[in-house]
Protein backbone atom coordinates (compact mmCIF):
# COMPACT_ATOMS: atom_id res chain seq x y z
CA MET A 1 14.21 -18.20 -34.15
CA ILE A 2 12.44 -19.84 -31.20
CA ARG A 3 13.68 -18.50 -27.88
CA ARG A 4 12.60 -17.81 -24.31
CA ILE A 5 10.97 -14.40 -23.89
CA ILE A 6 8.62 -12.67 -21.48
CA THR A 7 4.88 -12.25 -21.93
CA ILE A 8 2.67 -9.83 -20.00
CA ASP A 9 -0.90 -10.57 -18.93
CA ASN A 10 -2.78 -7.28 -19.40
CA GLU A 11 -5.66 -8.47 -17.25
CA LYS A 12 -3.38 -8.90 -14.23
CA CYS A 13 -1.11 -5.90 -14.87
CA THR A 14 -1.85 -2.84 -12.72
CA GLY A 15 0.77 -0.61 -14.37
CA CYS A 16 2.81 -0.20 -11.18
CA GLY A 17 6.04 0.06 -13.21
CA LEU A 18 8.20 -2.19 -11.03
CA CYS A 19 8.98 -4.46 -13.98
CA ALA A 20 10.09 -1.50 -16.12
CA GLU A 21 12.40 -0.33 -13.35
CA ALA A 22 13.88 -3.81 -12.97
CA CYS A 23 14.54 -4.29 -16.70
CA HIS A 24 18.13 -3.22 -17.37
CA GLU A 25 17.56 -3.33 -21.13
CA GLY A 26 14.65 -0.88 -21.21
CA ALA A 27 12.55 -3.56 -22.92
CA ILE A 28 9.44 -2.75 -20.87
CA ALA A 29 7.51 0.52 -20.69
CA ILE A 30 4.19 1.59 -19.20
CA VAL A 31 1.87 2.37 -22.11
CA ASN A 32 -1.71 3.51 -21.43
CA GLY A 33 -1.42 2.32 -17.85
CA LYS A 34 -0.14 -1.19 -18.67
CA ALA A 35 3.30 -2.76 -18.94
CA LYS A 36 4.31 -3.48 -22.53
CA LEU A 37 7.25 -5.30 -24.13
CA LEU A 38 8.57 -2.68 -26.56
CA ARG A 39 10.57 -4.96 -28.84
CA ASP A 40 11.47 -8.64 -28.83
CA ASP A 41 15.16 -7.93 -29.51
CA PHE A 42 15.37 -5.77 -26.36
CA CYS A 43 14.45 -8.73 -24.11
CA ASP A 44 17.42 -10.86 -23.04
CA GLY A 45 15.17 -13.60 -21.65
CA LEU A 46 16.81 -13.55 -18.20
CA GLY A 47 13.66 -12.34 -16.46
CA ASP A 48 14.92 -9.73 -13.99
CA CYS A 49 11.39 -8.30 -14.20
CA LEU A 50 9.56 -11.45 -13.11
CA PRO A 51 10.21 -11.41 -9.35
CA GLU A 52 9.41 -7.68 -9.17
CA CYS A 53 5.82 -8.06 -10.40
CA PRO A 54 3.49 -8.18 -7.37
CA GLU A 55 0.56 -9.35 -9.52
CA ARG A 56 2.48 -12.18 -11.25
CA ALA A 57 1.46 -10.72 -14.58
CA ILE A 58 4.78 -11.64 -16.24
CA SER A 59 5.87 -15.11 -17.30
CA PHE A 60 8.15 -16.84 -19.80
CA ILE A 61 7.10 -18.38 -23.08
CA ASP A 62 9.04 -20.00 -25.88
CA ARG A 63 8.07 -18.45 -29.20
CA GLU A 64 9.33 -17.09 -32.49
CA ALA A 65 11.23 -13.90 -31.70
CA LEU A 66 14.12 -11.81 -32.94
CA PRO A 67 17.44 -12.58 -31.24
CA TYR A 68 18.54 -10.35 -28.38
CA ASP A 69 20.38 -7.34 -29.85
CA GLU A 70 22.80 -5.89 -27.29
CA GLU A 71 23.84 -3.01 -29.57
CA ALA A 72 20.22 -2.00 -30.21
CA VAL A 73 19.60 -2.04 -26.46
CA ARG A 74 22.63 0.18 -25.83
CA ILE A 75 21.38 2.74 -28.38
CA HIS A 76 17.82 2.57 -27.01
CA ILE A 77 18.95 3.22 -23.43
CA LYS A 78 21.16 6.11 -24.52
CA GLU A 79 18.35 7.72 -26.56
CA THR A 80 15.86 7.26 -23.72
CA ARG A 81 18.16 8.92 -21.19
CA THR A 82 18.80 11.82 -23.58
CA ALA A 83 15.06 12.30 -24.16
CA ASN A 84 14.32 12.21 -20.43
CA ASP A 85 17.04 14.76 -19.71
CA SER A 86 15.67 17.01 -22.46
CA ASP A 87 12.12 16.76 -21.10
CA SER A 88 13.30 17.63 -17.60
CA ILE A 89 15.11 20.71 -18.89
CA LYS A 90 12.16 21.74 -21.07
CA ASP A 91 9.26 21.37 -18.68
CA GLY A 92 10.94 21.06 -15.28
CA GLY A 93 8.84 18.07 -14.27
CA ARG A 94 5.64 16.13 -14.92
CA LEU A 95 2.98 18.19 -13.14
CA LYS A 96 0.04 19.08 -15.42
CA ASN A 97 -2.54 20.63 -13.08
CA TRP A 98 -2.66 23.41 -10.48
CA PRO A 99 -3.54 23.91 -7.66
CA VAL A 100 -2.73 20.50 -6.23
CA GLN A 101 -3.68 20.89 -2.56
CA ILE A 102 -6.96 19.05 -1.95
CA LYS A 103 -8.42 21.96 0.01
CA LEU A 104 -7.65 24.39 -2.86
CA ALA A 105 -8.46 22.14 -5.83
CA PRO A 106 -11.74 22.68 -7.74
CA VAL A 107 -14.50 20.11 -7.37
CA SER A 108 -15.23 20.03 -11.09
CA SER A 109 -12.54 20.51 -13.75
CA PRO A 110 -11.56 19.17 -17.20
CA VAL A 111 -8.30 17.88 -15.67
CA TYR A 112 -10.29 15.13 -13.93
CA GLU A 113 -12.01 13.86 -17.08
CA ASP A 114 -11.11 10.20 -17.68
CA CYS A 115 -7.93 10.72 -15.65
CA SER A 116 -5.74 8.53 -13.53
CA LEU A 117 -5.78 10.48 -10.26
CA LEU A 118 -2.79 10.57 -7.93
CA ILE A 119 -3.57 11.43 -4.31
CA ALA A 120 -0.29 11.88 -2.48
CA ALA A 121 0.66 12.56 1.10
CA ASP A 122 3.00 15.56 0.98
CA CYS A 123 6.12 13.78 2.21
CA THR A 124 6.05 10.98 -0.36
CA ALA A 125 7.42 13.21 -3.12
CA TYR A 126 10.50 13.90 -0.97
CA ALA A 127 10.99 10.35 0.25
CA TYR A 128 10.80 8.59 -3.14
CA ALA A 129 13.53 9.75 -5.54
CA SER A 130 11.77 8.98 -8.83
CA PHE A 131 8.39 10.31 -7.73
CA HIS A 132 7.75 12.50 -10.79
CA ASP A 133 8.48 9.79 -13.33
CA ARG A 134 6.77 6.96 -11.49
CA TYR A 135 3.71 8.66 -10.04
CA ILE A 136 3.09 12.15 -11.45
CA ALA A 137 3.72 11.54 -15.15
CA GLY A 138 0.41 11.18 -16.97
CA ARG A 139 -1.74 11.73 -13.88
CA THR A 140 -3.80 14.51 -12.34
CA VAL A 141 -2.40 15.25 -8.88
CA LEU A 142 -3.90 16.09 -5.50
CA ILE A 143 -1.77 16.36 -2.35
CA ALA A 144 -2.40 16.75 1.36
CA CYS A 145 -1.01 16.21 4.84
CA PRO A 146 -3.62 14.67 7.14
CA LYS A 147 -1.68 15.67 10.27
CA LEU A 148 -0.93 19.32 9.46
CA ASP A 149 -4.15 20.21 7.59
CA GLY A 150 -6.38 18.91 10.37
CA ILE A 151 -9.44 18.49 8.17
CA ASP A 152 -11.56 15.62 6.88
CA TYR A 153 -10.88 15.29 3.15
CA SER A 154 -13.59 12.69 2.55
CA GLU A 155 -16.39 15.16 1.73
CA LYS A 156 -14.30 17.20 -0.73
CA LEU A 157 -12.93 14.06 -2.37
CA SER A 158 -16.34 12.40 -2.62
CA ALA A 159 -17.65 15.53 -4.38
CA ILE A 160 -14.74 15.37 -6.83
CA PHE A 161 -15.38 11.67 -7.47
CA GLU A 162 -19.12 12.27 -7.98
CA GLU A 163 -18.75 15.25 -10.34
CA ASN A 164 -16.06 13.80 -12.60
CA ASN A 165 -15.26 10.67 -14.57
CA ILE A 166 -12.11 9.41 -12.83
CA ARG A 167 -10.65 6.26 -14.33
CA ASP A 168 -8.59 5.08 -11.36
CA ILE A 169 -6.86 6.37 -8.23
CA VAL A 170 -3.30 5.85 -7.03
CA LEU A 171 -2.66 6.81 -3.40
CA THR A 172 0.86 7.30 -2.06
CA ARG A 173 1.31 7.59 1.69
CA MET A 174 4.15 7.30 4.16
CA ALA A 175 4.60 4.32 6.45
CA VAL A 176 3.54 6.33 9.51
CA PRO A 177 0.25 6.16 11.44
CA CYS A 178 -0.90 9.71 10.66
CA CYS A 179 -0.79 8.99 6.92
CA GLY A 180 -3.37 6.28 7.50
CA GLY A 181 -5.91 9.08 7.84
CA LEU A 182 -5.48 9.98 4.19
CA GLU A 183 -6.08 6.41 3.08
CA ILE A 184 -9.18 6.17 5.27
CA ALA A 185 -10.50 9.43 3.79
CA VAL A 186 -9.96 8.25 0.21
CA ARG A 187 -11.66 4.90 0.79
CA LYS A 188 -14.54 6.63 2.59
CA ALA A 189 -14.90 9.14 -0.26
CA ILE A 190 -15.08 6.37 -2.87
CA ASN A 191 -17.88 4.72 -0.89
CA MET A 192 -19.70 8.03 -0.42
CA SER A 193 -19.51 8.78 -4.15
CA GLY A 194 -21.28 5.54 -5.00
CA LYS A 195 -18.74 4.82 -7.72
CA ASN A 196 -16.53 1.76 -8.14
CA ILE A 197 -13.21 3.52 -8.77
CA PRO A 198 -10.17 1.20 -8.70
CA LEU A 199 -7.72 2.20 -5.94
CA THR A 200 -4.02 1.32 -5.68
CA VAL A 201 -2.18 2.19 -2.45
CA ASP A 202 1.62 2.47 -2.32
CA ILE A 203 3.19 2.89 1.11
CA ILE A 204 6.64 4.52 1.12
CA SER A 205 9.16 4.16 3.93
CA ALA A 206 11.37 6.98 5.23
CA ASN A 207 14.34 5.46 3.38
CA GLY A 208 12.51 5.69 0.05
CA SER A 209 11.50 2.09 -0.51
CA ILE A 210 7.99 1.00 -1.45
CA ILE A 211 6.23 -1.27 1.01
CA LYS A 212 3.50 -3.38 -0.57
């Protein structure tokens, strides 16, 4: 049947995950760093995901598609929640590397090879409730507090960027002035490394919302 359904522009998509969070049917997932429509019959065509996409990578098209299957969606959501609960019990979280403090982390390591690197200000993991699932899952992690550590991270980070093949960087910082120092250090380190590494910055407020 011909019906209205979403389409995702992979060129525009940054894999932020806001569309997946907004989709009540679980029709969208982040696969290999990009948003993907899992199945046509999971999409109800109402477009709750559209206004959440900051890159305007999602739009409607009319095309041949399976009809929306409410029962299949109900089963899918139930199975997904069960799997997530099981994973949390089994592995306790999403962290895959250690140590994570920038000042303790090695300059060269296999964990950096072709990775998506998360650089997080310490407080962001406590302020944002779904931090593990949204930011840590699938990424190598480095954390720091620019105010308490009192050091310039740019030299250590630039060495890490130079020595390893890092695919992209996601930086999470709080919406406070002192966290700006971490963003400045990351941007400076990218320039010092001489590499063109894509950087995404998410600023998180004290109440747990993301400020773009």
